[in-house]
């Protein structure tokens, strides 16, 4: 077994020096600090049900904050079985094709909805419209990606 294989782990190692333990400790510390700051803000600056909601968000967001810290702190070359150039994989090409097709669909839908909105005098709040368009775009990318995978994979 070579030393390079022994140095690689499923979690990787810290980008700034140290091994897996340093990386995990840094991610845990960052997650606790950010979530703790959010909870402290909720306890000192808010009252009533808003405080309870923010405290719940602070607790539930711990894994997500840990994951974001891991992405920022990990050395990509130290992860076992990681692809050296992920942008050159076939999956990345499939995703780009799905996203570009979905963007064309989104422009078409926006144009049709704008014309229909002018003719019918459609009154929709901006929040509802943005949620609907974002949901449509994300679903379109997902459907296109599955279709491309089945056709070519």
C-alpha atoms as a PDB file:
ATOM      1  CA  UNK A   1       0.000   0.000   0.000  1.00  0.00           C
ATOM      2  CA  UNK A   2       1.515   3.336  -0.987  1.00  0.00           C
ATOM      3  CA  UNK A   3       1.672   6.343   1.286  1.00  0.00           C
ATOM      4  CA  UNK A   4      -0.671   8.270  -0.999  1.00  0.00           C
ATOM      5  CA  UNK A   5      -3.432   5.705  -0.551  1.00  0.00           C
ATOM      6  CA  UNK A   6      -2.957   5.753   3.236  1.00  0.00           C
ATOM      7  CA  UNK A   7      -3.153   9.584   3.260  1.00  0.00           C
ATOM      8  CA  UNK A   8      -6.526   9.565   1.551  1.00  0.00           C
ATOM      9  CA  UNK A   9      -9.698   8.988   3.527  1.00  0.00           C
ATOM     10  CA  UNK A  10     -13.419   9.185   2.924  1.00  0.00           C
ATOM     11  CA  UNK A  11     -13.559  12.538   4.751  1.00  0.00           C
ATOM     12  CA  UNK A  12     -10.302  13.945   3.407  1.00  0.00           C
ATOM     13  CA  UNK A  13      -7.927  16.191   5.307  1.00  0.00           C
ATOM     14  CA  UNK A  14      -7.883  19.872   6.106  1.00  0.00           C
ATOM     15  CA  UNK A  15      -6.829  22.274   3.388  1.00  0.00           C
ATOM     16  CA  UNK A  16      -4.859  24.306   5.924  1.00  0.00           C
ATOM     17  CA  UNK A  17      -2.851  21.428   7.403  1.00  0.00           C
ATOM     18  CA  UNK A  18      -3.651  18.533   9.654  1.00  0.00           C
ATOM     19  CA  UNK A  19      -5.494  15.321   9.093  1.00  0.00           C
ATOM     20  CA  UNK A  20      -9.061  14.181   9.156  1.00  0.00           C
ATOM     21  CA  UNK A  21      -9.446  14.925  12.876  1.00  0.00           C
ATOM     22  CA  UNK A  22      -8.427  18.560  12.339  1.00  0.00           C
ATOM     23  CA  UNK A  23     -10.875  18.862   9.446  1.00  0.00           C
ATOM     24  CA  UNK A  24     -13.781  17.414  11.412  1.00  0.00           C
ATOM     25  CA  UNK A  25     -12.961  19.532  14.471  1.00  0.00           C
ATOM     26  CA  UNK A  26     -12.856  22.661  12.319  1.00  0.00           C
ATOM     27  CA  UNK A  27     -16.173  21.841  10.661  1.00  0.00           C
ATOM     28  CA  UNK A  28     -17.803  21.087  14.009  1.00  0.00           C
ATOM     29  CA  UNK A  29     -16.441  24.305  15.501  1.00  0.00           C
ATOM     30  CA  UNK A  30     -17.659  26.371  12.558  1.00  0.00           C
ATOM     31  CA  UNK A  31     -21.114  24.761  12.686  1.00  0.00           C
ATOM     32  CA  UNK A  32     -21.434  25.332  16.418  1.00  0.00           C
ATOM     33  CA  UNK A  33     -20.184  28.924  16.128  1.00  0.00           C
ATOM     34  CA  UNK A  34     -22.559  29.937  13.343  1.00  0.00           C
ATOM     35  CA  UNK A  35     -25.531  28.120  14.834  1.00  0.00           C
ATOM     36  CA  UNK A  36     -24.680  29.472  18.280  1.00  0.00           C
ATOM     37  CA  UNK A  37     -24.480  33.025  16.950  1.00  0.00           C
ATOM     38  CA  UNK A  38     -27.897  32.583  15.350  1.00  0.00           C
ATOM     39  CA  UNK A  39     -29.319  31.223  18.596  1.00  0.00           C
ATOM     40  CA  UNK A  40     -27.713  34.034  20.625  1.00  0.00           C
ATOM     41  CA  UNK A  41     -29.230  36.615  18.286  1.00  0.00           C
ATOM     42  CA  UNK A  42     -32.620  34.955  18.685  1.00  0.00           C
ATOM     43  CA  UNK A  43     -32.379  34.904  22.471  1.00  0.00           C
ATOM     44  CA  UNK A  44     -31.212  38.494  22.859  1.00  0.00           C
ATOM     45  CA  UNK A  45     -32.950  40.331  20.057  1.00  0.00           C
ATOM     46  CA  UNK A  46     -36.255  38.584  19.524  1.00  0.00           C
ATOM     47  CA  UNK A  47     -39.260  37.695  21.612  1.00  0.00           C
ATOM     48  CA  UNK A  48     -42.225  35.362  21.486  1.00  0.00           C
ATOM     49  CA  UNK A  49     -42.775  32.842  18.744  1.00  0.00           C
ATOM     50  CA  UNK A  50     -40.096  34.365  16.493  1.00  0.00           C
ATOM     51  CA  UNK A  51     -37.493  33.412  19.105  1.00  0.00           C
ATOM     52  CA  UNK A  52     -38.677  29.807  19.122  1.00  0.00           C
ATOM     53  CA  UNK A  53     -38.639  29.646  15.328  1.00  0.00           C
ATOM     54  CA  UNK A  54     -35.096  30.999  15.047  1.00  0.00           C
ATOM     55  CA  UNK A  55     -33.875  28.650  17.799  1.00  0.00           C
ATOM     56  CA  UNK A  56     -35.372  25.733  15.879  1.00  0.00           C
ATOM     57  CA  UNK A  57     -33.710  26.934  12.667  1.00  0.00           C
ATOM     58  CA  UNK A  58     -30.380  27.263  14.504  1.00  0.00           C
ATOM     59  CA  UNK A  59     -30.646  23.671  15.743  1.00  0.00           C
ATOM     60  CA  UNK A  60     -31.882  22.165  12.485  1.00  0.00           C
ATOM     61  CA  UNK A  61     -29.282  23.996  10.387  1.00  0.00           C
ATOM     62  CA  UNK A  62     -26.311  22.435  12.221  1.00  0.00           C
ATOM     63  CA  UNK A  63     -25.771  19.623   9.657  1.00  0.00           C
ATOM     64  CA  UNK A  64     -26.051  22.025   6.725  1.00  0.00           C
ATOM     65  CA  UNK A  65     -23.579  24.458   8.245  1.00  0.00           C
ATOM     66  CA  UNK A  66     -21.230  21.533   8.985  1.00  0.00           C
ATOM     67  CA  UNK A  67     -21.457  20.443   5.338  1.00  0.00           C
ATOM     68  CA  UNK A  68     -20.759  23.959   4.041  1.00  0.00           C
ATOM     69  CA  UNK A  69     -17.753  24.233   6.351  1.00  0.00           C
ATOM     70  CA  UNK A  70     -16.507  20.846   5.129  1.00  0.00           C
ATOM     71  CA  UNK A  71     -16.740  22.005   1.501  1.00  0.00           C
ATOM     72  CA  UNK A  72     -14.754  25.132   2.374  1.00  0.00           C
ATOM     73  CA  UNK A  73     -12.107  23.392   4.506  1.00  0.00           C
ATOM     74  CA  UNK A  74     -11.445  20.034   2.805  1.00  0.00           C
ATOM     75  CA  UNK A  75      -8.497  19.442   0.487  1.00  0.00           C
ATOM     76  CA  UNK A  76     -10.148  17.910  -2.610  1.00  0.00           C
ATOM     77  CA  UNK A  77      -7.053  15.883  -3.490  1.00  0.00           C
ATOM     78  CA  UNK A  78      -7.158  14.064  -0.167  1.00  0.00           C
ATOM     79  CA  UNK A  79     -10.558  12.418  -0.622  1.00  0.00           C
ATOM     80  CA  UNK A  80     -10.468   8.726  -1.521  1.00  0.00           C
ATOM     81  CA  UNK A  81     -11.997   7.879  -4.912  1.00  0.00           C
ATOM     82  CA  UNK A  82     -12.497  11.550  -5.822  1.00  0.00           C
ATOM     83  CA  UNK A  83     -12.445  12.466  -9.487  1.00  0.00           C
ATOM     84  CA  UNK A  84      -9.431  14.639 -10.287  1.00  0.00           C
ATOM     85  CA  UNK A  85     -11.232  16.877 -12.795  1.00  0.00           C
ATOM     86  CA  UNK A  86     -14.970  16.618 -12.094  1.00  0.00           C
ATOM     87  CA  UNK A  87     -15.911  19.076 -14.848  1.00  0.00           C
ATOM     88  CA  UNK A  88     -14.649  16.621 -17.475  1.00  0.00           C
ATOM     89  CA  UNK A  89     -16.947  13.754 -16.474  1.00  0.00           C
ATOM     90  CA  UNK A  90     -19.872  12.615 -18.571  1.00  0.00           C
ATOM     91  CA  UNK A  91     -22.248  13.439 -15.718  1.00  0.00           C
ATOM     92  CA  UNK A  92     -21.095  17.069 -15.762  1.00  0.00           C
ATOM     93  CA  UNK A  93     -21.706  17.214 -19.493  1.00  0.00           C
ATOM     94  CA  UNK A  94     -25.180  15.741 -19.025  1.00  0.00           C
ATOM     95  CA  UNK A  95     -25.956  18.311 -16.334  1.00  0.00           C
ATOM     96  CA  UNK A  96     -24.789  21.190 -18.526  1.00  0.00           C
ATOM     97  CA  UNK A  97     -26.946  19.998 -21.406  1.00  0.00           C
ATOM     98  CA  UNK A  98     -29.952  19.617 -19.089  1.00  0.00           C
ATOM     99  CA  UNK A  99     -29.415  23.100 -17.634  1.00  0.00           C
ATOM    100  CA  UNK A 100     -29.037  24.788 -21.009  1.00  0.00           C
ATOM    101  CA  UNK A 101     -32.191  23.095 -22.301  1.00  0.00           C
ATOM    102  CA  UNK A 102     -34.073  24.094 -19.168  1.00  0.00           C
ATOM    103  CA  UNK A 103     -32.916  27.691 -19.580  1.00  0.00           C
ATOM    104  CA  UNK A 104     -34.374  27.738 -23.087  1.00  0.00           C
ATOM    105  CA  UNK A 105     -37.624  26.291 -21.737  1.00  0.00           C
ATOM    106  CA  UNK A 106     -37.674  28.893 -18.969  1.00  0.00           C
ATOM    107  CA  UNK A 107     -37.299  31.743 -21.464  1.00  0.00           C
ATOM    108  CA  UNK A 108     -40.107  30.291 -23.560  1.00  0.00           C
ATOM    109  CA  UNK A 109     -42.401  29.940 -20.525  1.00  0.00           C
ATOM    110  CA  UNK A 110     -41.569  33.472 -19.354  1.00  0.00           C
ATOM    111  CA  UNK A 111     -42.441  34.879 -22.771  1.00  0.00           C
ATOM    112  CA  UNK A 112     -45.725  32.986 -23.018  1.00  0.00           C
ATOM    113  CA  UNK A 113     -46.742  33.922 -19.462  1.00  0.00           C
ATOM    114  CA  UNK A 114     -45.881  37.583 -20.019  1.00  0.00           C
ATOM    115  CA  UNK A 115     -47.941  37.749 -23.213  1.00  0.00           C
ATOM    116  CA  UNK A 116     -50.838  35.891 -21.571  1.00  0.00           C
ATOM    117  CA  UNK A 117     -50.565  38.154 -18.515  1.00  0.00           C
ATOM    118  CA  UNK A 118     -50.909  41.256 -20.653  1.00  0.00           C
ATOM    119  CA  UNK A 119     -53.884  39.894 -22.587  1.00  0.00           C
ATOM    120  CA  UNK A 120     -55.753  38.514 -19.561  1.00  0.00           C
ATOM    121  CA  UNK A 121     -54.570  41.217 -17.127  1.00  0.00           C
ATOM    122  CA  UNK A 122     -53.099  38.628 -14.806  1.00  0.00           C
ATOM    123  CA  UNK A 123     -52.381  39.917 -11.300  1.00  0.00           C
ATOM    124  CA  UNK A 124     -49.948  37.618  -9.496  1.00  0.00           C
ATOM    125  CA  UNK A 125     -47.681  38.570  -6.637  1.00  0.00           C
ATOM    126  CA  UNK A 126     -43.976  38.614  -7.376  1.00  0.00           C
ATOM    127  CA  UNK A 127     -43.259  36.047  -4.661  1.00  0.00           C
ATOM    128  CA  UNK A 128     -45.708  33.515  -6.116  1.00  0.00           C
ATOM    129  CA  UNK A 129     -44.386  34.074  -9.632  1.00  0.00           C
ATOM    130  CA  UNK A 130     -40.755  33.601  -8.576  1.00  0.00           C
ATOM    131  CA  UNK A 131     -41.559  30.470  -6.586  1.00  0.00           C
ATOM    132  CA  UNK A 132     -43.449  29.006  -9.541  1.00  0.00           C
ATOM    133  CA  UNK A 133     -40.678  29.821 -12.029  1.00  0.00           C
ATOM    134  CA  UNK A 134     -37.939  28.474  -9.774  1.00  0.00           C
ATOM    135  CA  UNK A 135     -39.887  25.270  -9.179  1.00  0.00           C
ATOM    136  CA  UNK A 136     -40.493  24.897 -12.909  1.00  0.00           C
ATOM    137  CA  UNK A 137     -36.806  25.445 -13.730  1.00  0.00           C
ATOM    138  CA  UNK A 138     -35.597  22.964 -11.119  1.00  0.00           C
ATOM    139  CA  UNK A 139     -38.112  20.322 -12.173  1.00  0.00           C
ATOM    140  CA  UNK A 140     -37.222  20.887 -15.831  1.00  0.00           C
ATOM    141  CA  UNK A 141     -33.508  20.332 -15.144  1.00  0.00           C
ATOM    142  CA  UNK A 142     -34.306  17.185 -13.160  1.00  0.00           C
ATOM    143  CA  UNK A 143     -36.557  15.718 -15.844  1.00  0.00           C
ATOM    144  CA  UNK A 144     -34.080  16.548 -18.603  1.00  0.00           C
ATOM    145  CA  UNK A 145     -31.205  15.026 -16.633  1.00  0.00           C
ATOM    146  CA  UNK A 146     -33.097  11.777 -16.058  1.00  0.00           C
ATOM    147  CA  UNK A 147     -34.063  11.676 -19.723  1.00  0.00           C
ATOM    148  CA  UNK A 148     -30.462  12.232 -20.888  1.00  0.00           C
ATOM    149  CA  UNK A 149     -29.142   9.601 -18.437  1.00  0.00           C
ATOM    150  CA  UNK A 150     -31.610   6.995 -19.654  1.00  0.00           C
ATOM    151  CA  UNK A 151     -30.939   7.772 -23.291  1.00  0.00           C
ATOM    152  CA  UNK A 152     -27.134   7.824 -23.104  1.00  0.00           C
ATOM    153  CA  UNK A 153     -26.252   5.990 -19.900  1.00  0.00           C
END
